[in-house]
Amino acid sequence: MQVLIIGAGEVGFHTALRLSREGHRVVVLDRDPEQLRKVNERMDVNTLLGPGASPKMLQEAGVAQADLVVAVTDSDEVNLTACRFAKLLARTATRVARVRSQDYLEFLEREGSKALDLDTVINPEREVANQILQFISVPAASSVADFAEGRVKLLSLRVPATSPLVGRKLMELRTAGGPVFLVAAIERGGRVVIPRGADAIHYDDLAYVVVRKEEIEPVVRAFGLHAEPVRSLVVVGGGAIGRLVAQEAVERGIKVRIIERNEERCHQLVDRLRGVLVLHGDGTDMSLLEEENIGAADVFAAVTDDEEDNVLIALLGKKMGAKRTISRVAHLGYVPLVSTLGLDLVVSPRFAAVGAILRYLRRGKVLNVAALRDEGAEVIEVEAQATSALVGRPLAEVKLPAGALVAALDRGGVVDIPSGATVVRPGDRLVIFLLRSVLAKVEKLLTVSLEYF
């Protein structure tokens, strides 16, 4: 696939890095020579210096040959203009733009992205807010992702020493009358593996578990975890992420407080949010946190624009006794490091944006993509095509590579955790775990089988 990336900032850089490693033909266009120098030092892609909204520069960058145009500069106006020109210069290309302005987002929600010649809009702050809200819905999990319109859940569960599953082989976990779930991947020692039935669960594993929505609670209990529903939430930072999280949490019946250091923003929050207590103050002030009894909060989230403050604030909240802590980290390279500090959830708008872009890069009819934390593995939701090698035969007879696993199947809204005897039909939705090293082989299976010819 040929991809034109407009903007070599954090999102553009990591998107280009991911694609270059996968063998895609990538061109990066940016007006900052220092950003392009960093790109050239790290990856084998073509770069071009110039403004991303210029039709002349887009033509020089080869937009006419692009299958995908991704506009992720720091300017909404540049991103939207670049995609409008791309519509004229490359009519068949898929166009993706990052948009952050609430004014633009409200217009696009009302009129649809096609009104501005876009195939899709990425709003990193909203993606992160959704991650936090999913986490709040299942507080025992380290992360939660939705597939099949929410009917299938992907939970990452940290296995406690007291778990009854420690030492048990995966093939022994499916018992008559018990909840149906599948351990599709395990992160152990910083490495993600797709396990086999003979593999056992260890203490402190991060197990990626696929489960039906209605069976979340019994599965969480089966792992020896306890999750009281979230009743109180404290958010430090009243920007877009904090506001979106607070607004939805209140609608779910959760008691919400926001701490914001900017007085003018506090007044704006009071006007926009009903049922939320807005406090003017500094989230790094321990006396304020103690005064507000942060230790009693079910969830304590630090989502200011300062990632160093966020880590410090979340660690303070954890030390004071908050049950679950969340930190927003902007720099993608910091996410694995911060995740080792004992915080329950580390979110990154830029990581979320890269993950949202991935679904437009996968071959086959891809409906959703979720990248795992170390980026060495991902989960894709696809619609099975009649031409695919996965269709019409038991999964046990499909030659899936060792690093891939069909974890769930949705047929007409009915979810099944498949076995080797499961036969995939055209139109089924499949949730597939895969290591990046076998991505090309899985994409080949998803498109056209040899028998089709």
Protein backbone atom coordinates (compact mmCIF):
# COMPACT_ATOMS: atom_id res chain seq x y z
CA MET A 1 0.00 0.00 0.00
CA GLN A 2 1.21 3.54 -0.77
CA VAL A 3 0.62 6.00 2.06
CA LEU A 4 1.08 9.76 2.20
CA ILE A 5 1.47 11.09 5.75
CA ILE A 6 1.10 14.85 6.18
CA GLY A 7 2.73 15.90 9.44
CA ALA A 8 5.88 14.40 10.96
CA GLY A 9 5.01 15.06 14.59
CA GLU A 10 4.52 12.31 17.16
CA VAL A 11 1.51 10.70 15.47
CA GLY A 12 2.89 11.02 11.95
CA PHE A 13 6.31 9.78 13.03
CA HIS A 14 5.02 6.65 14.77
CA THR A 15 2.52 5.90 12.02
CA ALA A 16 5.31 6.10 9.44
CA LEU A 17 7.59 3.95 11.60
CA ARG A 18 4.91 1.29 11.99
CA LEU A 19 4.14 1.23 8.27
CA SER A 20 7.76 1.22 7.13
CA ARG A 21 8.42 -1.82 9.32
CA GLU A 22 5.50 -3.57 7.65
CA GLY A 23 6.88 -2.87 4.17
CA HIS A 24 4.42 -0.21 3.01
CA ARG A 25 5.59 2.55 0.66
CA VAL A 26 5.48 5.73 2.73
CA VAL A 27 5.99 9.41 1.94
CA VAL A 28 6.10 11.94 4.81
CA LEU A 29 5.42 15.63 4.08
CA ASP A 30 6.20 18.31 6.66
CA ARG A 31 7.38 21.92 6.71
CA ASP A 32 9.80 21.38 9.64
CA PRO A 33 13.26 20.15 8.50
CA GLU A 34 14.14 19.00 12.02
CA GLN A 35 11.10 16.70 12.18
CA LEU A 36 11.96 15.23 8.79
CA ARG A 37 15.55 14.69 9.91
CA LYS A 38 14.30 12.54 12.80
CA VAL A 39 12.15 10.54 10.38
CA ASN A 40 15.06 9.93 8.01
CA GLU A 41 17.30 8.81 10.87
CA ARG A 42 14.88 6.15 12.10
CA MET A 43 13.22 4.65 9.01
CA ASP A 44 13.44 4.00 5.31
CA VAL A 45 10.73 6.28 3.92
CA ASN A 46 10.63 9.17 1.44
CA THR A 47 10.34 12.66 2.91
CA LEU A 48 9.47 16.01 1.39
CA LEU A 49 9.86 19.49 2.91
CA GLY A 50 6.93 21.82 2.39
CA PRO A 51 3.42 22.90 3.54
CA GLY A 52 0.91 20.06 3.79
CA ALA A 53 -2.03 22.16 2.54
CA SER A 54 -0.34 23.06 -0.74
CA PRO A 55 -1.76 21.25 -3.80
CA LYS A 56 1.61 21.64 -5.53
CA MET A 57 3.43 19.93 -2.64
CA LEU A 58 0.81 17.18 -2.48
CA GLN A 59 1.37 16.47 -6.17
CA GLU A 60 5.15 16.41 -5.67
CA ALA A 61 4.62 13.97 -2.78
CA GLY A 62 2.81 11.58 -5.14
CA VAL A 63 -0.72 12.00 -3.80
CA ALA A 64 -2.17 10.73 -7.11
CA GLN A 65 -0.63 7.30 -6.45
CA ALA A 66 -1.59 7.13 -2.76
CA ASP A 67 -4.00 4.50 -1.46
CA LEU A 68 -4.26 6.31 1.89
CA VAL A 69 -3.75 9.96 2.84
CA VAL A 70 -3.28 10.65 6.58
CA ALA A 71 -3.27 14.33 7.66
CA VAL A 72 -2.05 14.59 11.26
CA THR A 73 -0.39 18.00 11.61
CA ASP A 74 -1.06 20.12 14.70
CA SER A 75 -3.41 22.33 12.64
CA ASP A 76 -6.99 21.21 12.03
CA GLU A 77 -7.22 23.68 9.15
CA VAL A 78 -4.16 22.22 7.40
CA ASN A 79 -5.45 18.68 7.89
CA LEU A 80 -8.90 19.48 6.49
CA THR A 81 -7.53 21.49 3.56
CA ALA A 82 -5.02 18.76 2.66
CA CYS A 83 -7.79 16.15 2.58
CA ARG A 84 -10.00 18.34 0.40
CA PHE A 85 -7.20 18.73 -2.14
CA ALA A 86 -6.47 15.00 -1.88
CA LYS A 87 -10.10 14.34 -2.84
CA LEU A 88 -9.51 16.23 -6.09
CA LEU A 89 -6.04 14.86 -6.81
CA ALA A 90 -6.53 11.23 -5.71
CA ARG A 91 -10.22 10.36 -5.96
CA THR A 92 -9.87 6.72 -4.90
CA ALA A 93 -7.59 7.31 -1.91
CA THR A 94 -8.92 6.92 1.63
CA ARG A 95 -8.61 10.21 3.53
CA VAL A 96 -8.06 10.41 7.29
CA ALA A 97 -7.70 13.67 9.22
CA ARG A 98 -6.93 14.42 12.84
CA VAL A 99 -9.36 17.04 14.15
CA ARG A 100 -9.29 18.46 17.67
CA SER A 101 -11.50 21.57 17.59
CA GLN A 102 -14.80 20.98 19.35
CA ASP A 103 -16.49 23.34 16.88
CA TYR A 104 -15.34 21.25 13.91
CA LEU A 105 -16.17 17.98 15.65
CA GLU A 106 -19.72 19.06 16.42
CA PHE A 107 -20.20 20.12 12.79
CA LEU A 108 -18.82 16.79 11.50
CA GLU A 109 -21.04 14.82 13.88
CA ARG A 110 -24.06 16.74 12.64
CA GLU A 111 -23.28 16.77 8.92
CA GLY A 112 -21.07 13.68 8.56
CA SER A 113 -17.40 13.48 7.60
CA LYS A 114 -18.26 13.25 3.90
CA ALA A 115 -19.37 16.88 4.05
CA LEU A 116 -15.69 17.86 4.23
CA ASP A 117 -14.43 15.17 1.84
CA LEU A 118 -13.19 12.90 4.64
CA ASP A 119 -13.53 9.15 5.02
CA THR A 120 -12.95 9.39 8.74
CA VAL A 121 -11.96 11.80 11.48
CA ILE A 122 -9.56 10.97 14.29
CA ASN A 123 -9.93 12.84 17.54
CA PRO A 124 -7.23 11.54 19.92
CA GLU A 125 -8.76 13.13 22.99
CA ARG A 126 -12.10 11.43 22.38
CA GLU A 127 -10.35 8.10 21.75
CA VAL A 128 -8.58 8.42 25.12
CA ALA A 129 -11.78 9.46 26.89
CA ASN A 130 -13.45 6.32 25.52
CA GLN A 131 -10.56 4.20 26.80
CA ILE A 132 -10.95 5.67 30.29
CA LEU A 133 -14.72 5.18 30.27
CA GLN A 134 -14.32 1.56 29.17
CA PHE A 135 -11.83 1.07 32.01
CA ILE A 136 -14.30 2.56 34.49
CA SER A 137 -16.96 0.13 33.27
CA VAL A 138 -14.70 -2.86 34.18
CA PRO A 139 -12.40 -1.56 36.93
CA ALA A 140 -10.78 -4.96 37.53
CA ALA A 141 -9.24 -4.84 34.06
CA SER A 142 -6.07 -3.02 33.09
CA SER A 143 -7.68 -2.12 29.76
CA VAL A 144 -10.90 -2.80 27.89
CA ALA A 145 -11.61 -2.81 24.15
CA ASP A 146 -14.92 -3.30 22.33
CA PHE A 147 -15.57 -5.44 19.26
CA ALA A 148 -18.73 -6.48 17.42
CA GLU A 149 -20.50 -3.28 18.52
CA GLY A 150 -19.71 -3.99 22.17
CA ARG A 151 -20.95 -7.59 22.23
CA VAL A 152 -17.38 -8.86 22.48
CA LYS A 153 -15.02 -7.46 25.11
CA LEU A 154 -11.24 -7.72 25.24
CA LEU A 155 -10.06 -7.46 28.84
CA SER A 156 -6.46 -7.34 29.99
CA LEU A 157 -6.42 -8.90 33.46
CA ARG A 158 -3.40 -8.90 35.77
CA VAL A 159 -3.31 -12.36 37.41
CA PRO A 160 -2.98 -12.09 41.22
CA ALA A 161 -0.98 -14.58 43.29
CA THR A 162 -4.24 -15.75 44.88
CA SER A 163 -5.93 -16.53 41.54
CA PRO A 164 -7.30 -20.10 41.34
CA LEU A 165 -6.12 -20.17 37.72
CA VAL A 166 -2.40 -19.88 38.54
CA GLY A 167 -0.62 -23.01 37.34
CA ARG A 168 -3.59 -24.30 35.35
CA LYS A 169 -3.28 -25.10 31.66
CA LEU A 170 -5.43 -23.11 29.27
CA MET A 171 -7.05 -26.27 27.91
CA GLU A 172 -8.47 -26.91 31.40
CA LEU A 173 -10.22 -23.57 31.77
CA ARG A 174 -13.38 -24.23 29.76
CA THR A 175 -15.59 -26.13 32.21
CA ALA A 176 -19.21 -27.20 31.91
CA GLY A 177 -21.54 -24.59 33.37
CA GLY A 178 -18.76 -22.03 33.81
CA PRO A 179 -18.30 -18.75 31.94
CA VAL A 180 -17.03 -19.08 28.38
CA PHE A 181 -13.86 -17.11 27.70
CA LEU A 182 -10.60 -17.39 25.84
CA VAL A 183 -7.12 -16.34 26.93
CA ALA A 184 -5.99 -15.15 23.53
CA ALA A 185 -2.63 -13.64 24.48
CA ILE A 186 -0.35 -13.33 27.50
CA GLU A 187 2.12 -10.57 28.26
CA ARG A 188 4.91 -11.96 30.42
CA GLY A 189 8.21 -10.27 31.11
CA GLY A 190 7.39 -7.49 28.67
CA ARG A 191 6.78 -9.90 25.79
CA VAL A 192 3.43 -10.82 24.23
CA VAL A 193 2.84 -14.44 23.19
CA ILE A 194 -0.12 -16.23 21.63
CA PRO A 195 -0.42 -19.25 23.95
CA ARG A 196 -1.30 -22.87 23.21
CA GLY A 197 -3.68 -25.07 25.15
CA ALA A 198 -0.84 -26.75 27.04
CA ASP A 199 0.52 -23.40 28.31
CA ALA A 200 -0.18 -22.50 31.93
CA ILE A 201 -1.13 -19.22 33.58
CA HIS A 202 1.49 -17.69 35.86
CA TYR A 203 1.25 -15.21 38.69
CA ASP A 204 1.56 -11.59 37.46
CA ASP A 205 0.75 -12.50 33.84
CA LEU A 206 -1.21 -9.87 31.96
CA ALA A 207 -3.83 -12.06 30.30
CA TYR A 208 -5.74 -10.73 27.30
CA VAL A 209 -9.14 -12.35 27.66
CA VAL A 210 -11.94 -12.41 25.10
CA VAL A 211 -15.40 -12.68 26.64
CA ARG A 212 -19.04 -12.01 25.86
CA LYS A 213 -20.29 -8.75 27.32
CA GLU A 214 -22.81 -10.50 29.57
CA GLU A 215 -20.18 -12.77 31.11
CA ILE A 216 -17.66 -10.17 32.24
CA GLU A 217 -18.39 -10.44 35.97
CA PRO A 218 -18.10 -14.25 36.27
CA VAL A 219 -14.88 -14.20 34.23
CA VAL A 220 -13.37 -11.51 36.47
CA ARG A 221 -14.28 -13.62 39.52
CA ALA A 222 -12.81 -16.73 37.88
CA PHE A 223 -9.46 -14.90 37.75
CA GLY A 224 -9.70 -14.16 41.47
CA LEU A 225 -10.24 -10.45 40.94
CA HIS A 226 -12.83 -8.32 42.70
CA ALA A 227 -14.39 -5.27 41.11
CA GLU A 228 -16.82 -3.10 42.98
CA PRO A 229 -18.67 -0.72 40.64
CA VAL A 230 -17.15 2.75 40.38
CA ARG A 231 -19.13 5.24 42.43
CA SER A 232 -16.68 8.13 42.76
CA LEU A 233 -14.27 9.63 40.23
CA VAL A 234 -11.77 12.45 40.62
CA VAL A 235 -10.32 13.97 37.44
CA VAL A 236 -7.34 16.32 37.51
CA GLY A 237 -7.38 18.37 34.31
CA GLY A 238 -10.44 20.00 32.77
CA GLY A 239 -9.38 19.87 29.13
CA ALA A 240 -11.16 17.92 26.40
CA ILE A 241 -10.38 14.51 27.91
CA GLY A 242 -11.39 15.46 31.45
CA ARG A 243 -14.60 17.12 30.27
CA LEU A 244 -15.67 14.20 28.08
CA VAL A 245 -14.96 11.65 30.83
CA ALA A 246 -16.77 13.70 33.49
CA GLN A 247 -19.81 14.29 31.30
CA GLU A 248 -20.30 10.59 30.50
CA ALA A 249 -19.47 9.42 34.04
CA VAL A 250 -22.15 11.66 35.55
CA GLU A 251 -24.70 10.22 33.12
CA ARG A 252 -23.75 6.77 34.44
CA GLY A 253 -24.59 7.86 37.99
CA ILE A 254 -20.99 8.32 39.16
CA LYS A 255 -20.09 11.13 41.58
CA VAL A 256 -17.50 13.27 39.77
CA ARG A 257 -15.09 16.00 40.86
CA ILE A 258 -12.74 17.90 38.52
CA ILE A 259 -9.64 19.74 39.77
CA GLU A 260 -8.43 22.41 37.33
CA ARG A 261 -5.73 25.05 37.90
CA ASN A 262 -6.95 27.47 35.20
CA GLU A 263 -9.67 29.69 36.69
CA GLU A 264 -11.21 30.65 33.35
CA ARG A 265 -11.49 27.00 32.32
CA CYS A 266 -13.15 26.26 35.67
CA HIS A 267 -15.91 28.77 34.85
CA GLN A 268 -16.36 27.16 31.42
CA LEU A 269 -16.65 23.71 33.01
CA VAL A 270 -19.25 24.93 35.49
CA ASP A 271 -21.32 26.30 32.61
CA ARG A 272 -21.04 23.13 30.48
CA LEU A 273 -21.22 20.33 33.05
CA ARG A 274 -24.22 19.60 35.23
CA GLY A 275 -23.80 17.51 38.37
CA VAL A 276 -20.00 17.83 38.42
CA LEU A 277 -18.17 19.54 41.29
CA VAL A 278 -15.46 21.76 39.77
CA LEU A 279 -12.56 22.72 42.06
CA HIS A 280 -10.04 25.45 41.27
CA GLY A 281 -6.62 24.22 42.36
CA ASP A 282 -3.32 22.53 41.55
CA GLY A 283 -3.45 18.74 41.29
CA THR A 284 0.16 18.48 42.50
CA ASP A 285 -0.76 20.20 45.79
CA MET A 286 -0.77 17.41 48.40
CA SER A 287 -2.69 19.49 50.93
CA LEU A 288 -5.49 19.99 48.39
CA LEU A 289 -5.57 16.27 47.59
CA GLU A 290 -5.72 15.42 51.29
CA GLU A 291 -8.41 18.02 51.90
CA GLU A 292 -10.50 16.50 49.10
CA ASN A 293 -9.96 13.00 50.52
CA ILE A 294 -8.55 11.65 47.26
CA GLY A 295 -7.71 8.36 48.96
CA ALA A 296 -11.41 7.50 49.08
CA ALA A 297 -11.87 7.81 45.31
CA ASP A 298 -12.68 4.67 43.35
CA VAL A 299 -10.85 6.10 40.31
CA PHE A 300 -8.33 8.96 40.26
CA ALA A 301 -7.36 10.21 36.79
CA ALA A 302 -4.63 12.73 35.96
CA VAL A 303 -5.25 14.02 32.41
CA THR A 304 -3.71 17.50 32.32
CA ASP A 305 -1.61 18.73 29.39
CA ASP A 306 1.61 18.14 31.38
CA GLU A 307 2.59 14.46 31.25
CA GLU A 308 5.21 14.75 34.00
CA ASP A 309 2.64 16.30 36.33
CA ASN A 310 0.19 13.56 35.41
CA VAL A 311 2.57 10.80 36.45
CA LEU A 312 3.37 12.57 39.73
CA ILE A 313 -0.31 13.30 40.46
CA ALA A 314 -1.38 9.70 39.75
CA LEU A 315 1.40 8.34 41.98
CA LEU A 316 0.32 10.72 44.76
CA GLY A 317 -3.26 9.50 44.38
CA LYS A 318 -2.10 5.88 44.56
CA LYS A 319 -0.03 6.57 47.67
CA MET A 320 -3.04 8.22 49.32
CA GLY A 321 -5.14 5.12 48.75
CA ALA A 322 -7.16 5.74 45.57
CA LYS A 323 -8.36 2.34 44.39
CA ARG A 324 -7.52 2.82 40.70
CA THR A 325 -5.22 5.39 39.11
CA ILE A 326 -4.95 6.69 35.53
CA SER A 327 -2.28 8.86 33.94
CA ARG A 328 -2.31 10.58 30.55
CA VAL A 329 1.10 10.47 28.86
CA ALA A 330 1.66 12.28 25.57
CA HIS A 331 5.04 10.90 24.50
CA LEU A 332 4.60 7.41 23.03
CA GLY A 333 8.07 6.31 24.12
CA TYR A 334 7.19 6.93 27.77
CA VAL A 335 4.14 4.66 27.86
CA PRO A 336 5.98 1.32 28.50
CA LEU A 337 8.18 2.98 31.15
CA VAL A 338 5.32 4.66 33.02
CA SER A 339 3.32 1.42 32.88
CA THR A 340 5.93 -0.21 35.15
CA LEU A 341 5.33 2.31 37.96
CA GLY A 342 2.24 0.53 39.27
CA LEU A 343 -0.41 2.80 37.79
CA ASP A 344 -3.54 0.95 36.70
CA LEU A 345 -3.98 2.61 33.31
CA VAL A 346 -1.65 4.72 31.18
CA VAL A 347 -3.30 6.39 28.20
CA SER A 348 -1.80 8.31 25.30
CA PRO A 349 -3.78 10.39 22.78
CA ARG A 350 -1.05 9.81 20.21
CA PHE A 351 -1.03 6.06 20.72
CA ALA A 352 -4.81 6.09 20.37
CA ALA A 353 -4.53 8.04 17.11
CA VAL A 354 -2.00 5.59 15.64
CA GLY A 355 -4.29 2.69 16.59
CA ALA A 356 -7.26 4.37 14.91
CA ILE A 357 -5.27 4.79 11.68
CA LEU A 358 -4.30 1.10 11.56
CA ARG A 359 -7.76 -0.11 10.53
CA TYR A 360 -7.32 1.63 7.16
CA LEU A 361 -4.05 -0.15 6.49
CA ARG A 362 -5.14 -3.75 6.88
CA ARG A 363 -6.13 -5.87 3.91
CA GLY A 364 -9.53 -7.54 3.97
CA LYS A 365 -12.77 -6.02 5.25
CA VAL A 366 -11.40 -4.70 8.55
CA LEU A 367 -13.94 -3.20 10.96
CA ASN A 368 -11.74 -2.43 13.96
CA VAL A 369 -8.12 -2.60 15.12
CA ALA A 370 -6.69 -2.45 18.65
CA ALA A 371 -2.93 -2.34 19.16
CA LEU A 372 -1.59 -4.02 22.27
CA ARG A 373 0.61 -2.05 24.61
CA ASP A 374 4.00 -3.16 23.30
CA GLU A 375 2.91 -2.68 19.64
CA GLY A 376 4.25 -6.16 18.85
CA ALA A 377 0.74 -7.55 18.62
CA GLU A 378 -2.72 -6.34 17.70
CA VAL A 379 -6.33 -7.44 17.54
CA ILE A 380 -8.37 -6.99 14.37
CA GLU A 381 -12.08 -7.38 13.77
CA VAL A 382 -12.88 -8.43 10.21
CA GLU A 383 -15.89 -9.47 8.19
CA ALA A 384 -15.30 -12.89 6.62
CA GLN A 385 -15.44 -12.78 2.82
CA ALA A 386 -16.62 -15.66 0.64
CA THR A 387 -13.20 -15.64 -1.05
CA SER A 388 -11.25 -16.00 2.21
CA ALA A 389 -9.33 -19.18 3.06
CA LEU A 390 -10.93 -19.02 6.53
CA VAL A 391 -14.44 -19.64 5.19
CA GLY A 392 -16.18 -22.98 4.73
CA ARG A 393 -13.93 -25.28 6.73
CA PRO A 394 -13.36 -26.05 10.44
CA LEU A 395 -10.83 -23.71 12.01
CA ALA A 396 -8.72 -26.75 12.92
CA GLU A 397 -8.12 -27.27 9.20
CA VAL A 398 -7.19 -23.64 8.49
CA LYS A 399 -3.46 -23.11 8.34
CA LEU A 400 -3.28 -20.13 10.66
CA PRO A 401 0.33 -19.14 11.45
CA ALA A 402 1.58 -19.88 14.97
CA GLY A 403 1.31 -16.24 16.03
CA ALA A 404 -2.39 -15.85 15.21
CA LEU A 405 -5.64 -16.96 16.83
CA VAL A 406 -9.34 -16.55 16.01
CA ALA A 407 -10.63 -15.48 19.42
CA ALA A 408 -14.33 -14.73 18.82
CA LEU A 409 -17.00 -15.04 16.15
CA ASP A 410 -20.12 -12.89 15.84
CA ARG A 411 -22.87 -14.24 13.57
CA GLY A 412 -25.94 -12.06 13.29
CA GLY A 413 -25.40 -10.63 16.77
CA VAL A 414 -24.81 -14.01 18.43
CA VAL A 415 -21.29 -14.31 19.85
CA ASP A 416 -19.36 -17.56 20.02
CA ILE A 417 -15.93 -18.31 21.45
CA PRO A 418 -14.83 -20.67 18.67
CA SER A 419 -13.22 -24.09 18.87
CA GLY A 420 -11.37 -26.11 16.26
CA ALA A 421 -14.70 -27.47 15.00
CA THR A 422 -16.16 -23.99 14.31
CA VAL A 423 -16.85 -23.31 10.63
CA VAL A 424 -16.69 -19.68 9.49
CA ARG A 425 -19.38 -18.45 7.10
CA PRO A 426 -19.33 -15.42 4.79
CA GLY A 427 -20.46 -12.32 6.69
CA ASP A 428 -19.30 -13.58 10.10
CA ARG A 429 -17.40 -11.07 12.20
CA LEU A 430 -14.11 -12.48 13.45
CA VAL A 431 -11.91 -11.14 16.24
CA ILE A 432 -8.34 -12.24 15.54
CA PHE A 433 -5.24 -11.86 17.73
CA LEU A 434 -1.97 -11.74 15.85
CA LEU A 435 1.67 -10.96 16.32
CA ARG A 436 2.99 -8.32 13.96
CA SER A 437 5.49 -10.84 12.60
CA VAL A 438 2.67 -12.89 11.02
CA LEU A 439 0.51 -9.98 9.86
CA ALA A 440 1.22 -10.50 6.15
CA LYS A 441 0.28 -14.19 6.35
CA VAL A 442 -2.99 -13.44 8.14
CA GLU A 443 -3.89 -10.68 5.66
CA LYS A 444 -3.37 -13.18 2.85
CA LEU A 445 -5.77 -15.64 4.52
CA LEU A 446 -8.36 -12.88 4.93
CA THR A 447 -8.42 -11.86 1.29
CA VAL A 448 -8.47 -14.56 -1.40
CA SER A 449 -7.90 -18.31 -1.08
CA LEU A 450 -6.08 -20.26 -3.74
CA GLU A 451 -9.23 -22.29 -4.42
CA TYR A 452 -11.02 -19.09 -5.48
CA PHE A 453 -8.93 -19.01 -8.65
